[in-house]
PDB file of N, CA and C in Angstrom:
ATOM      1  N   MET A   1     142.874 141.046 109.570  1.00  0.00           N
ATOM      2  CA  MET A   1     141.862 141.736 108.804  1.00  0.00           C
ATOM      3  C   MET A   1     141.271 140.772 107.775  1.00  0.00           C
ATOM      4  N   ASN A   2     139.981 140.834 107.573  1.00  0.00           N
ATOM      5  CA  ASN A   2     139.291 139.960 106.648  1.00  0.00           C
ATOM      6  C   ASN A   2     139.247 140.631 105.269  1.00  0.00           C
ATOM      7  N   ASP A   3     139.845 139.973 104.258  1.00  0.00           N
ATOM      8  CA  ASP A   3     139.890 140.541 102.914  1.00  0.00           C
ATOM      9  C   ASP A   3     138.665 140.167 102.089  1.00  0.00           C
ATOM     10  N   GLN A   4     137.769 139.415 102.683  1.00  0.00           N
ATOM     11  CA  GLN A   4     136.595 138.975 101.941  1.00  0.00           C
ATOM     12  C   GLN A   4     135.643 140.146 101.729  1.00  0.00           C
ATOM     13  N   HIS A   5     135.163 140.293 100.527  1.00  0.00           N
ATOM     14  CA  HIS A   5     134.243 141.365 100.166  1.00  0.00           C
ATOM     15  C   HIS A   5     132.920 141.178 100.909  1.00  0.00           C
ATOM     16  N   PRO A   6     132.263 142.245 101.331  1.00  0.00           N
ATOM     17  CA  PRO A   6     130.999 142.133 102.071  1.00  0.00           C
ATOM     18  C   PRO A   6     129.933 141.332 101.324  1.00  0.00           C
ATOM     19  N   ASP A   7     129.880 141.459  99.978  1.00  0.00           N
ATOM     20  CA  ASP A   7     128.885 140.702  99.219  1.00  0.00           C
ATOM     21  C   ASP A   7     129.147 139.205  99.320  1.00  0.00           C
ATOM     22  N   ASN A   8     130.417 138.786  99.331  1.00  0.00           N
ATOM     23  CA  ASN A   8     130.755 137.371  99.452  1.00  0.00           C
ATOM     24  C   ASN A   8     130.392 136.835 100.833  1.00  0.00           C
ATOM     25  N   ARG A   9     130.614 137.629 101.865  1.00  0.00           N
ATOM     26  CA  ARG A   9     130.241 137.209 103.222  1.00  0.00           C
ATOM     27  C   ARG A   9     128.723 137.067 103.322  1.00  0.00           C
ATOM     28  N   ARG A  10     128.017 138.003 102.712  1.00  0.00           N
ATOM     29  CA  ARG A  10     126.555 137.947 102.730  1.00  0.00           C
ATOM     30  C   ARG A  10     126.071 136.691 101.995  1.00  0.00           C
ATOM     31  N   ARG A  11     126.660 136.384 100.836  1.00  0.00           N
ATOM     32  CA  ARG A  11     126.288 135.181 100.086  1.00  0.00           C
ATOM     33  C   ARG A  11     126.548 133.926 100.915  1.00  0.00           C
ATOM     34  N   SER A  12     127.696 133.863 101.555  1.00  0.00           N
ATOM     35  CA  SER A  12     128.027 132.712 102.401  1.00  0.00           C
ATOM     36  C   SER A  12     127.011 132.565 103.521  1.00  0.00           C
ATOM     37  N   PHE A  13     126.680 133.678 104.155  1.00  0.00           N
ATOM     38  CA  PHE A  13     125.694 133.653 105.228  1.00  0.00           C
ATOM     39  C   PHE A  13     124.350 133.148 104.710  1.00  0.00           C
ATOM     40  N   LEU A  14     123.924 133.647 103.556  1.00  0.00           N
ATOM     41  CA  LEU A  14     122.633 133.232 102.994  1.00  0.00           C
ATOM     42  C   LEU A  14     122.637 131.748 102.619  1.00  0.00           C
ATOM     43  N   LYS A  15     123.744 131.257 102.076  1.00  0.00           N
ATOM     44  CA  LYS A  15     123.835 129.831 101.730  1.00  0.00           C
ATOM     45  C   LYS A  15     123.737 128.961 102.972  1.00  0.00           C
ATOM     46  N   ILE A  16     124.465 129.326 104.006  1.00  0.00           N
ATOM     47  CA  ILE A  16     124.448 128.553 105.253  1.00  0.00           C
ATOM     48  C   ILE A  16     123.062 128.616 105.884  1.00  0.00           C
ATOM     49  N   SER A  17     122.442 129.781 105.856  1.00  0.00           N
ATOM     50  CA  SER A  17     121.097 129.929 106.428  1.00  0.00           C
ATOM     51  C   SER A  17     120.084 129.082 105.671  1.00  0.00           C
ATOM     52  N   ALA A  18     120.160 129.117 104.354  1.00  0.00           N
ATOM     53  CA  ALA A  18     119.227 128.324 103.542  1.00  0.00           C
ATOM     54  C   ALA A  18     119.418 126.838 103.799  1.00  0.00           C
ATOM     55  N   PHE A  19     120.658 126.396 103.868  1.00  0.00           N
ATOM     56  CA  PHE A  19     120.942 124.984 104.142  1.00  0.00           C
ATOM     57  C   PHE A  19     120.386 124.590 105.501  1.00  0.00           C
ATOM     58  N   SER A  20     120.557 125.441 106.491  1.00  0.00           N
ATOM     59  CA  SER A  20     120.065 125.163 107.840  1.00  0.00           C
ATOM     60  C   SER A  20     118.545 125.079 107.864  1.00  0.00           C
ATOM     61  N   LEU A  21     117.885 125.980 107.157  1.00  0.00           N
ATOM     62  CA  LEU A  21     116.426 125.972 107.125  1.00  0.00           C
ATOM     63  C   LEU A  21     115.879 124.707 106.485  1.00  0.00           C
ATOM     64  N   VAL A  22     116.597 124.158 105.523  1.00  0.00           N
ATOM     65  CA  VAL A  22     116.172 122.928 104.863  1.00  0.00           C
ATOM     66  C   VAL A  22     116.538 121.717 105.707  1.00  0.00           C
ATOM     67  N   SER A  23     117.699 121.711 106.330  1.00  0.00           N
ATOM     68  CA  SER A  23     118.198 120.556 107.079  1.00  0.00           C
ATOM     69  C   SER A  23     117.400 120.256 108.334  1.00  0.00           C
ATOM     70  N   VAL A  24     117.009 121.268 109.053  1.00  0.00           N
ATOM     71  CA  VAL A  24     116.307 121.056 110.321  1.00  0.00           C
ATOM     72  C   VAL A  24     114.992 120.304 110.121  1.00  0.00           C
ATOM     73  N   PRO A  25     114.125 120.710 109.186  1.00  0.00           N
ATOM     74  CA  PRO A  25     112.886 119.947 109.001  1.00  0.00           C
ATOM     75  C   PRO A  25     113.136 118.516 108.518  1.00  0.00           C
ATOM     76  N   ILE A  26     114.113 118.318 107.660  1.00  0.00           N
ATOM     77  CA  ILE A  26     114.404 116.974 107.169  1.00  0.00           C
ATOM     78  C   ILE A  26     114.865 116.088 108.317  1.00  0.00           C
ATOM     79  N   GLY A  27     115.734 116.612 109.165  1.00  0.00           N
ATOM     80  CA  GLY A  27     116.198 115.851 110.324  1.00  0.00           C
ATOM     81  C   GLY A  27     115.045 115.495 111.245  1.00  0.00           C
ATOM     82  N   GLY A  28     114.151 116.421 111.460  1.00  0.00           N
ATOM     83  CA  GLY A  28     112.972 116.164 112.282  1.00  0.00           C
ATOM     84  C   GLY A  28     112.059 115.139 111.647  1.00  0.00           C
ATOM     85  N   TRP A  29     111.892 115.216 110.335  1.00  0.00           N
ATOM     86  CA  TRP A  29     111.054 114.251 109.621  1.00  0.00           C
ATOM     87  C   TRP A  29     111.623 112.851 109.757  1.00  0.00           C
ATOM     88  N   LEU A  30     112.948 112.690 109.603  1.00  0.00           N
ATOM     89  CA  LEU A  30     113.567 111.372 109.736  1.00  0.00           C
ATOM     90  C   LEU A  30     113.381 110.810 111.138  1.00  0.00           C
ATOM     91  N   ALA A  31     113.567 111.623 112.138  1.00  0.00           N
ATOM     92  CA  ALA A  31     113.380 111.169 113.520  1.00  0.00           C
ATOM     93  C   ALA A  31     111.927 110.771 113.751  1.00  0.00           C
ATOM     94  N   ASN A  32     111.005 111.536 113.176  1.00  0.00           N
ATOM     95  CA  ASN A  32     109.584 111.231 113.312  1.00  0.00           C
ATOM     96  C   ASN A  32     109.235 109.913 112.631  1.00  0.00           C
ATOM     97  N   GLN A  33     109.815 109.642 111.457  1.00  0.00           N
ATOM     98  CA  GLN A  33     109.575 108.394 110.748  1.00  0.00           C
ATOM     99  C   GLN A  33     110.036 107.206 111.580  1.00  0.00           C
ATOM    100  N   GLN A  34     111.214 107.314 112.192  1.00  0.00           N
ATOM    101  CA  GLN A  34     111.733 106.225 113.010  1.00  0.00           C
ATOM    102  C   GLN A  34     110.854 106.017 114.235  1.00  0.00           C
ATOM    103  N   ALA A  35     110.392 107.089 114.854  1.00  0.00           N
ATOM    104  CA  ALA A  35     109.512 106.970 116.020  1.00  0.00           C
ATOM    105  C   ALA A  35     108.190 106.336 115.622  1.00  0.00           C
ATOM    106  N   ARG A  36     107.676 106.716 114.458  1.00  0.00           N
ATOM    107  CA  ARG A  36     106.419 106.146 113.981  1.00  0.00           C
ATOM    108  C   ARG A  36     106.564 104.658 113.718  1.00  0.00           C
ATOM    109  N   ALA A  37     107.690 104.230 113.151  1.00  0.00           N
ATOM    110  CA  ALA A  37     107.926 102.809 112.882  1.00  0.00           C
ATOM    111  C   ALA A  37     107.950 102.014 114.182  1.00  0.00           C
ATOM    112  N   ALA A  38     108.491 102.606 115.239  1.00  0.00           N
ATOM    113  CA  ALA A  38     108.550 101.922 116.529  1.00  0.00           C
ATOM    114  C   ALA A  38     107.150 101.704 117.095  1.00  0.00           C
ATOM    115  N   ASP A  39     106.192 102.539 116.715  1.00  0.00           N
ATOM    116  CA  ASP A  39     104.822 102.423 117.215  1.00  0.00           C
ATOM    117  C   ASP A  39     103.957 101.483 116.375  1.00  0.00           C
ATOM    118  N   MET A  40     104.431 101.077 115.204  1.00  0.00           N
ATOM    119  CA  MET A  40     103.632 100.225 114.332  1.00  0.00           C
ATOM    120  C   MET A  40     103.664  98.771 114.806  1.00  0.00           C
ATOM    121  N   PRO A  41     102.564  98.047 114.591  1.00  0.00           N
ATOM    122  CA  PRO A  41     102.549  96.638 114.977  1.00  0.00           C
ATOM    123  C   PRO A  41     103.397  95.792 114.026  1.00  0.00           C
ATOM    124  N   GLN A  42     103.893  94.686 114.549  1.00  0.00           N
ATOM    125  CA  GLN A  42     104.658  93.748 113.727  1.00  0.00           C
ATOM    126  C   GLN A  42     103.696  92.976 112.827  1.00  0.00           C
ATOM    127  N   LEU A  43     104.118  92.746 111.609  1.00  0.00           N
ATOM    128  CA  LEU A  43     103.312  91.967 110.673  1.00  0.00           C
ATOM    129  C   LEU A  43     103.194  90.544 111.188  1.00  0.00           C
ATOM    130  N   ASP A  44     101.989  90.027 111.209  1.00  0.00           N
ATOM    131  CA  ASP A  44     101.745  88.649 111.626  1.00  0.00           C
ATOM    132  C   ASP A  44     101.880  87.744 110.401  1.00  0.00           C
ATOM    133  N   GLU A  45     102.595  86.650 110.550  1.00  0.00           N
ATOM    134  CA  GLU A  45     102.778  85.722 109.428  1.00  0.00           C
ATOM    135  C   GLU A  45     101.453  85.144 108.939  1.00  0.00           C
ATOM    136  N   SER A  46     100.406  85.196 109.779  1.00  0.00           N
ATOM    137  CA  SER A  46      99.098  84.667 109.383  1.00  0.00           C
ATOM    138  C   SER A  46      98.252  85.705 108.628  1.00  0.00           C
ATOM    139  N   ASP A  47      98.753  86.931 108.491  1.00  0.00           N
ATOM    140  CA  ASP A  47      98.071  87.964 107.717  1.00  0.00           C
ATOM    141  C   ASP A  47      97.868  87.438 106.294  1.00  0.00           C
ATOM    142  N   PRO A  48      96.672  87.620 105.712  1.00  0.00           N
ATOM    143  CA  PRO A  48      96.409  87.076 104.366  1.00  0.00           C
ATOM    144  C   PRO A  48      97.407  87.527 103.292  1.00  0.00           C
ATOM    145  N   THR A  49      97.786  88.799 103.314  1.00  0.00           N
ATOM    146  CA  THR A  49      98.763  89.279 102.326  1.00  0.00           C
ATOM    147  C   THR A  49     100.125  88.657 102.586  1.00  0.00           C
ATOM    148  N   ALA A  50     100.491  88.539 103.856  1.00  0.00           N
ATOM    149  CA  ALA A  50     101.765  87.912 104.214  1.00  0.00           C
ATOM    150  C   ALA A  50     101.789  86.468 103.736  1.00  0.00           C
ATOM    151  N   GLN A  51     100.697  85.750 103.934  1.00  0.00           N
ATOM    152  CA  GLN A  51     100.642  84.355 103.492  1.00  0.00           C
ATOM    153  C   GLN A  51     100.701  84.241 101.976  1.00  0.00           C
ATOM    154  N   ALA A  52     100.006  85.136 101.285  1.00  0.00           N
ATOM    155  CA  ALA A  52     100.011  85.094  99.814  1.00  0.00           C
ATOM    156  C   ALA A  52     101.407  85.326  99.249  1.00  0.00           C
ATOM    157  N   LEU A  53     102.206  86.128  99.962  1.00  0.00           N
ATOM    158  CA  LEU A  53     103.560  86.425  99.498  1.00  0.00           C
ATOM    159  C   LEU A  53     104.626  85.556 100.170  1.00  0.00           C
ATOM    160  N   GLY A  54     104.205  84.619 101.020  1.00  0.00           N
ATOM    161  CA  GLY A  54     105.142  83.718 101.675  1.00  0.00           C
ATOM    162  C   GLY A  54     106.015  84.402 102.707  1.00  0.00           C
ATOM    163  N   TYR A  55     105.522  85.505 103.319  1.00  0.00           N
ATOM    164  CA  TYR A  55     106.323  86.230 104.298  1.00  0.00           C
ATOM    165  C   TYR A  55     106.597  85.369 105.521  1.00  0.00           C
ATOM    166  N   VAL A  56     107.851  85.389 105.970  1.00  0.00           N
ATOM    167  CA  VAL A  56     108.268  84.749 107.221  1.00  0.00           C
ATOM    168  C   VAL A  56     109.207  85.708 107.945  1.00  0.00           C
ATOM    169  N   HIS A  57     109.163  85.668 109.284  1.00  0.00           N
ATOM    170  CA  HIS A  57     110.045  86.512 110.089  1.00  0.00           C
ATOM    171  C   HIS A  57     111.499  86.070 109.964  1.00  0.00           C
ATOM    172  N   ASP A  58     111.714  84.803 109.688  1.00  0.00           N
ATOM    173  CA  ASP A  58     113.053  84.228 109.542  1.00  0.00           C
ATOM    174  C   ASP A  58     113.180  83.701 108.115  1.00  0.00           C
ATOM    175  N   ALA A  59     113.958  84.375 107.293  1.00  0.00           N
ATOM    176  CA  ALA A  59     114.077  84.030 105.866  1.00  0.00           C
ATOM    177  C   ALA A  59     114.524  82.589 105.640  1.00  0.00           C
ATOM    178  N   THR A  60     115.262  82.018 106.583  1.00  0.00           N
ATOM    179  CA  THR A  60     115.729  80.634 106.409  1.00  0.00           C
ATOM    180  C   THR A  60     114.578  79.642 106.482  1.00  0.00           C
ATOM    181  N   LYS A  61     113.403  80.109 106.931  1.00  0.00           N
ATOM    182  CA  LYS A  61     112.233  79.228 107.039  1.00  0.00           C
ATOM    183  C   LYS A  61     111.245  79.434 105.891  1.00  0.00           C
ATOM    184  N   ALA A  62     111.659  80.148 104.855  1.00  0.00           N
ATOM    185  CA  ALA A  62     110.784  80.372 103.695  1.00  0.00           C
ATOM    186  C   ALA A  62     110.521  79.039 103.002  1.00  0.00           C
ATOM    187  N   ASN A  63     109.313  78.896 102.484  1.00  0.00           N
ATOM    188  CA  ASN A  63     108.917  77.683 101.774  1.00  0.00           C
ATOM    189  C   ASN A  63     109.457  77.751 100.343  1.00  0.00           C
ATOM    190  N   VAL A  64     110.655  77.190 100.127  1.00  0.00           N
ATOM    191  CA  VAL A  64     111.300  77.280  98.811  1.00  0.00           C
ATOM    192  C   VAL A  64     110.612  76.410  97.768  1.00  0.00           C
ATOM    193  N   ALA A  65     109.839  75.417  98.191  1.00  0.00           N
ATOM    194  CA  ALA A  65     109.075  74.614  97.226  1.00  0.00           C
ATOM    195  C   ALA A  65     107.974  75.469  96.600  1.00  0.00           C
ATOM    196  N   GLU A  66     107.325  76.293  97.427  1.00  0.00           N
ATOM    197  CA  GLU A  66     106.260  77.163  96.939  1.00  0.00           C
ATOM    198  C   GLU A  66     106.806  78.469  96.359  1.00  0.00           C
ATOM    199  N   PHE A  67     107.946  78.926  96.899  1.00  0.00           N
ATOM    200  CA  PHE A  67     108.550  80.185  96.466  1.00  0.00           C
ATOM    201  C   PHE A  67     110.019  79.942  96.103  1.00  0.00           C
ATOM    202  N   PRO A  68     110.287  79.370  94.921  1.00  0.00           N
ATOM    203  CA  PRO A  68     111.662  79.013  94.533  1.00  0.00           C
ATOM    204  C   PRO A  68     112.608  80.204  94.395  1.00  0.00           C
ATOM    205  N   LYS A  69     112.070  81.403  94.356  1.00  0.00           N
ATOM    206  CA  LYS A  69     112.902  82.604  94.275  1.00  0.00           C
ATOM    207  C   LYS A  69     113.906  82.652  95.435  1.00  0.00           C
ATOM    208  N   ARG A  70     113.539  82.091  96.577  1.00  0.00           N
ATOM    209  CA  ARG A  70     114.375  82.118  97.779  1.00  0.00           C
ATOM    210  C   ARG A  70     115.387  80.962  97.795  1.00  0.00           C
ATOM    211  N   SER A  71     115.339  80.068  96.831  1.00  0.00           N
ATOM    212  CA  SER A  71     116.248  78.917  96.832  1.00  0.00           C
ATOM    213  C   SER A  71     117.572  79.251  96.137  1.00  0.00           C
ATOM    214  N   GLY A  72     118.548  78.408  96.353  1.00  0.00           N
ATOM    215  CA  GLY A  72     119.852  78.556  95.702  1.00  0.00           C
ATOM    216  C   GLY A  72     120.710  79.622  96.336  1.00  0.00           C
ATOM    217  N   PRO A  73     121.928  79.799  95.794  1.00  0.00           N
ATOM    218  CA  PRO A  73     122.861  80.765  96.373  1.00  0.00           C
ATOM    219  C   PRO A  73     122.358  82.212  96.310  1.00  0.00           C
ATOM    220  N   ASP A  74     121.683  82.583  95.238  1.00  0.00           N
ATOM    221  CA  ASP A  74     121.153  83.949  95.142  1.00  0.00           C
ATOM    222  C   ASP A  74     120.038  84.173  96.165  1.00  0.00           C
ATOM    223  N   GLY A  75     119.175  83.189  96.318  1.00  0.00           N
ATOM    224  CA  GLY A  75     118.072  83.291  97.270  1.00  0.00           C
ATOM    225  C   GLY A  75     118.536  83.346  98.711  1.00  0.00           C
ATOM    226  N   ALA A  76     119.655  82.697  99.007  1.00  0.00           N
ATOM    227  CA  ALA A  76     120.172  82.668 100.378  1.00  0.00           C
ATOM    228  C   ALA A  76     120.583  84.049 100.867  1.00  0.00           C
ATOM    229  N   ASP A  77     120.795  84.985  99.967  1.00  0.00           N
ATOM    230  CA  ASP A  77     121.191  86.346 100.340  1.00  0.00           C
ATOM    231  C   ASP A  77     120.011  87.319 100.362  1.00  0.00           C
ATOM    232  N   GLN A  78     118.805  86.802 100.226  1.00  0.00           N
ATOM    233  CA  GLN A  78     117.619  87.657 100.205  1.00  0.00           C
ATOM    234  C   GLN A  78     117.015  87.778 101.602  1.00  0.00           C
ATOM    235  N   PHE A  79     116.995  89.000 102.116  1.00  0.00           N
ATOM    236  CA  PHE A  79     116.394  89.311 103.413  1.00  0.00           C
ATOM    237  C   PHE A  79     115.658  90.638 103.277  1.00  0.00           C
ATOM    238  N   CYS A  80     114.691  90.880 104.130  1.00  0.00           N
ATOM    239  CA  CYS A  80     113.990  92.168 104.101  1.00  0.00           C
ATOM    240  C   CYS A  80     114.980  93.324 104.192  1.00  0.00           C
ATOM    241  N   ARG A  81     116.004  93.191 105.014  1.00  0.00           N
ATOM    242  CA  ARG A  81     116.951  94.295 105.239  1.00  0.00           C
ATOM    243  C   ARG A  81     117.685  94.732 103.976  1.00  0.00           C
ATOM    244  N   ASN A  82     117.798  93.841 102.958  1.00  0.00           N
ATOM    245  CA  ASN A  82     118.475  94.247 101.725  1.00  0.00           C
ATOM    246  C   ASN A  82     117.504  94.286 100.545  1.00  0.00           C
ATOM    247  N   CYS A  83     116.225  94.506 100.868  1.00  0.00           N
ATOM    248  CA  CYS A  83     115.183  94.626  99.848  1.00  0.00           C
ATOM    249  C   CYS A  83     114.892  96.102  99.587  1.00  0.00           C
ATOM    250  N   GLN A  84     114.656  96.429  98.348  1.00  0.00           N
ATOM    251  CA  GLN A  84     114.338  97.803  97.944  1.00  0.00           C
ATOM    252  C   GLN A  84     113.074  98.320  98.637  1.00  0.00           C
ATOM    253  N   LEU A  85     112.169  97.443  98.999  1.00  0.00           N
ATOM    254  CA  LEU A  85     110.886  97.837  99.573  1.00  0.00           C
ATOM    255  C   LEU A  85     110.943  98.077 101.084  1.00  0.00           C
ATOM    256  N   TYR A  86     112.021  97.647 101.717  1.00  0.00           N
ATOM    257  CA  TYR A  86     112.203  97.794 103.170  1.00  0.00           C
ATOM    258  C   TYR A  86     112.781  99.169 103.461  1.00  0.00           C
ATOM    259  N   THR A  87     112.157  99.896 104.376  1.00  0.00           N
ATOM    260  CA  THR A  87     112.621 101.251 104.685  1.00  0.00           C
ATOM    261  C   THR A  87     113.080 101.399 106.133  1.00  0.00           C
ATOM    262  N   GLY A  88     113.360 100.285 106.785  1.00  0.00           N
ATOM    263  CA  GLY A  88     113.856 100.343 108.152  1.00  0.00           C
ATOM    264  C   GLY A  88     115.280 100.871 108.205  1.00  0.00           C
ATOM    265  N   SER A  89     115.683 101.342 109.350  1.00  0.00           N
ATOM    266  CA  SER A  89     117.039 101.848 109.542  1.00  0.00           C
ATOM    267  C   SER A  89     118.032 100.698 109.530  1.00  0.00           C
ATOM    268  N   ASP A  90     119.247 100.972 109.062  1.00  0.00           N
ATOM    269  CA  ASP A  90     120.300  99.968 109.107  1.00  0.00           C
ATOM    270  C   ASP A  90     120.517  99.531 110.547  1.00  0.00           C
ATOM    271  N   GLY A  91     120.585  98.240 110.764  1.00  0.00           N
ATOM    272  CA  GLY A  91     120.829  97.710 112.100  1.00  0.00           C
ATOM    273  C   GLY A  91     119.577  97.521 112.942  1.00  0.00           C
ATOM    274  N   SER A  92     118.422  97.991 112.472  1.00  0.00           N
ATOM    275  CA  SER A  92     117.202  97.807 113.259  1.00  0.00           C
ATOM    276  C   SER A  92     116.651  96.399 113.030  1.00  0.00           C
ATOM    277  N   GLU A  93     116.027  95.848 114.062  1.00  0.00           N
ATOM    278  CA  GLU A  93     115.481  94.486 113.967  1.00  0.00           C
ATOM    279  C   GLU A  93     114.188  94.459 113.163  1.00  0.00           C
ATOM    280  N   TRP A  94     113.388  95.511 113.264  1.00  0.00           N
ATOM    281  CA  TRP A  94     112.106  95.619 112.566  1.00  0.00           C
ATOM    282  C   TRP A  94     112.053  96.954 111.828  1.00  0.00           C
ATOM    283  N   GLY A  95     111.341  96.972 110.699  1.00  0.00           N
ATOM    284  CA  GLY A  95     111.198  98.206 109.960  1.00  0.00           C
ATOM    285  C   GLY A  95     110.027  98.158 109.002  1.00  0.00           C
ATOM    286  N   PRO A  96     109.591  99.315 108.528  1.00  0.00           N
ATOM    287  CA  PRO A  96     108.475  99.383 107.594  1.00  0.00           C
ATOM    288  C   PRO A  96     108.820  98.787 106.228  1.00  0.00           C
ATOM    289  N   CYS A  97     107.788  98.311 105.562  1.00  0.00           N
ATOM    290  CA  CYS A  97     107.911  97.779 104.194  1.00  0.00           C
ATOM    291  C   CYS A  97     106.741  98.328 103.398  1.00  0.00           C
ATOM    292  N   SER A  98     106.998  98.790 102.190  1.00  0.00           N
ATOM    293  CA  SER A  98     105.926  99.391 101.392  1.00  0.00           C
ATOM    294  C   SER A  98     104.872  98.368 100.957  1.00  0.00           C
ATOM    295  N   ILE A  99     105.170  97.091 101.020  1.00  0.00           N
ATOM    296  CA  ILE A  99     104.188  96.059 100.670  1.00  0.00           C
ATOM    297  C   ILE A  99     103.148  95.888 101.780  1.00  0.00           C
ATOM    298  N   PHE A 100     103.565  96.142 103.017  1.00  0.00           N
ATOM    299  CA  PHE A 100     102.691  95.952 104.179  1.00  0.00           C
ATOM    300  C   PHE A 100     102.527  97.272 104.943  1.00  0.00           C
ATOM    301  N   PRO A 101     101.759  98.221 104.406  1.00  0.00           N
ATOM    302  CA  PRO A 101     101.627  99.535 105.044  1.00  0.00           C
ATOM    303  C   PRO A 101     101.036  99.420 106.451  1.00  0.00           C
ATOM    304  N   GLY A 102     101.589 100.233 107.351  1.00  0.00           N
ATOM    305  CA  GLY A 102     101.090 100.266 108.719  1.00  0.00           C
ATOM    306  C   GLY A 102     101.638  99.165 109.610  1.00  0.00           C
ATOM    307  N   LYS A 103     102.504  98.319 109.070  1.00  0.00           N
ATOM    308  CA  LYS A 103     103.100  97.222 109.839  1.00  0.00           C
ATOM    309  C   LYS A 103     104.610  97.261 109.632  1.00  0.00           C
ATOM    310  N   VAL A 104     105.328  96.639 110.548  1.00  0.00           N
ATOM    311  CA  VAL A 104     106.770  96.495 110.383  1.00  0.00           C
ATOM    312  C   VAL A 104     107.087  95.016 110.170  1.00  0.00           C
ATOM    313  N   VAL A 105     108.153  94.781 109.415  1.00  0.00           N
ATOM    314  CA  VAL A 105     108.599  93.418 109.125  1.00  0.00           C
ATOM    315  C   VAL A 105     109.969  93.203 109.755  1.00  0.00           C
ATOM    316  N   ASN A 106     110.315  91.956 109.950  1.00  0.00           N
ATOM    317  CA  ASN A 106     111.607  91.626 110.540  1.00  0.00           C
ATOM    318  C   ASN A 106     112.701  91.829 109.493  1.00  0.00           C
ATOM    319  N   ALA A 107     113.782  92.467 109.883  1.00  0.00           N
ATOM    320  CA  ALA A 107     114.905  92.709 108.965  1.00  0.00           C
ATOM    321  C   ALA A 107     115.473  91.402 108.432  1.00  0.00           C
ATOM    322  N   ASN A 108     115.344  90.321 109.205  1.00  0.00           N
ATOM    323  CA  ASN A 108     115.834  89.004 108.780  1.00  0.00           C
ATOM    324  C   ASN A 108     114.750  88.187 108.097  1.00  0.00           C
ATOM    325  N   GLY A 109     113.612  88.825 107.814  1.00  0.00           N
ATOM    326  CA  GLY A 109     112.498  88.148 107.177  1.00  0.00           C
ATOM    327  C   GLY A 109     112.650  88.107 105.661  1.00  0.00           C
ATOM    328  N   TRP A 110     111.598  87.589 105.017  1.00  0.00           N
ATOM    329  CA  TRP A 110     111.602  87.492 103.557  1.00  0.00           C
ATOM    330  C   TRP A 110     110.171  87.328 103.064  1.00  0.00           C
ATOM    331  N   CYS A 111     109.900  87.834 101.856  1.00  0.00           N
ATOM    332  CA  CYS A 111     108.660  87.523 101.144  1.00  0.00           C
ATOM    333  C   CYS A 111     108.958  87.518  99.647  1.00  0.00           C
ATOM    334  N   ASN A 112     108.021  86.989  98.889  1.00  0.00           N
ATOM    335  CA  ASN A 112     108.222  86.812  97.449  1.00  0.00           C
ATOM    336  C   ASN A 112     108.261  88.130  96.675  1.00  0.00           C
ATOM    337  N   ALA A 113     107.950  89.243  97.313  1.00  0.00           N
ATOM    338  CA  ALA A 113     108.027  90.552  96.651  1.00  0.00           C
ATOM    339  C   ALA A 113     109.442  91.113  96.708  1.00  0.00           C
ATOM    340  N   TRP A 114     110.382  90.375  97.299  1.00  0.00           N
ATOM    341  CA  TRP A 114     111.757  90.844  97.490  1.00  0.00           C
ATOM    342  C   TRP A 114     112.364  91.344  96.178  1.00  0.00           C
ATOM    343  N   VAL A 115     112.986  92.539  96.242  1.00  0.00           N
ATOM    344  CA  VAL A 115     113.688  93.149  95.104  1.00  0.00           C
ATOM    345  C   VAL A 115     115.028  93.657  95.623  1.00  0.00           C
ATOM    346  N   GLN A 116     116.099  93.343  94.918  1.00  0.00           N
ATOM    347  CA  GLN A 116     117.462  93.757  95.339  1.00  0.00           C
ATOM    348  C   GLN A 116     117.522  95.254  95.528  1.00  0.00           C
ATOM    349  N   LYS A 117     118.035  95.666  96.683  1.00  0.00           N
ATOM    350  CA  LYS A 117     118.202  97.091  96.983  1.00  0.00           C
ATOM    351  C   LYS A 117     119.256  97.665  96.050  1.00  0.00           C
ATOM    352  N   ALA A 118     118.959  98.796  95.461  1.00  0.00           N
ATOM    353  CA  ALA A 118     119.901  99.455  94.557  1.00  0.00           C
ATOM    354  C   ALA A 118     121.098  99.977  95.335  1.00  0.00           C
ATOM    355  N   GLY A 119     122.231  99.911  94.693  1.00  0.00           N
ATOM    356  CA  GLY A 119     123.439 100.496  95.284  1.00  0.00           C
ATOM    357  C   GLY A 119     124.171  99.561  96.077  1.00  0.00           C
TER     358      GLY A 119
END
């Protein structure tokens, strides 16, 4: 026999229902974002904004003479994948970056706008 009061069961049901109603659209939105990123073109290193920021697909090829931020031990750990501006999924080779809207950047890339990802 269930000793739970009917009002408590109703509250539990309403909480679970509300959570489900919120979770389903968010899950769909995340899947849609990933699908959209897969359809975006890759940023070309010859793009004027990419050149101005020293973007390269391979961070080890960054011009440290022109962009010293990438030099030294701290700079060696800077990649698009650990930048606050990169919104690609963990483990993905390419992902969106807020600096280059409508394009995806290489997770192993780098540009001078790099900012340490929080957390």
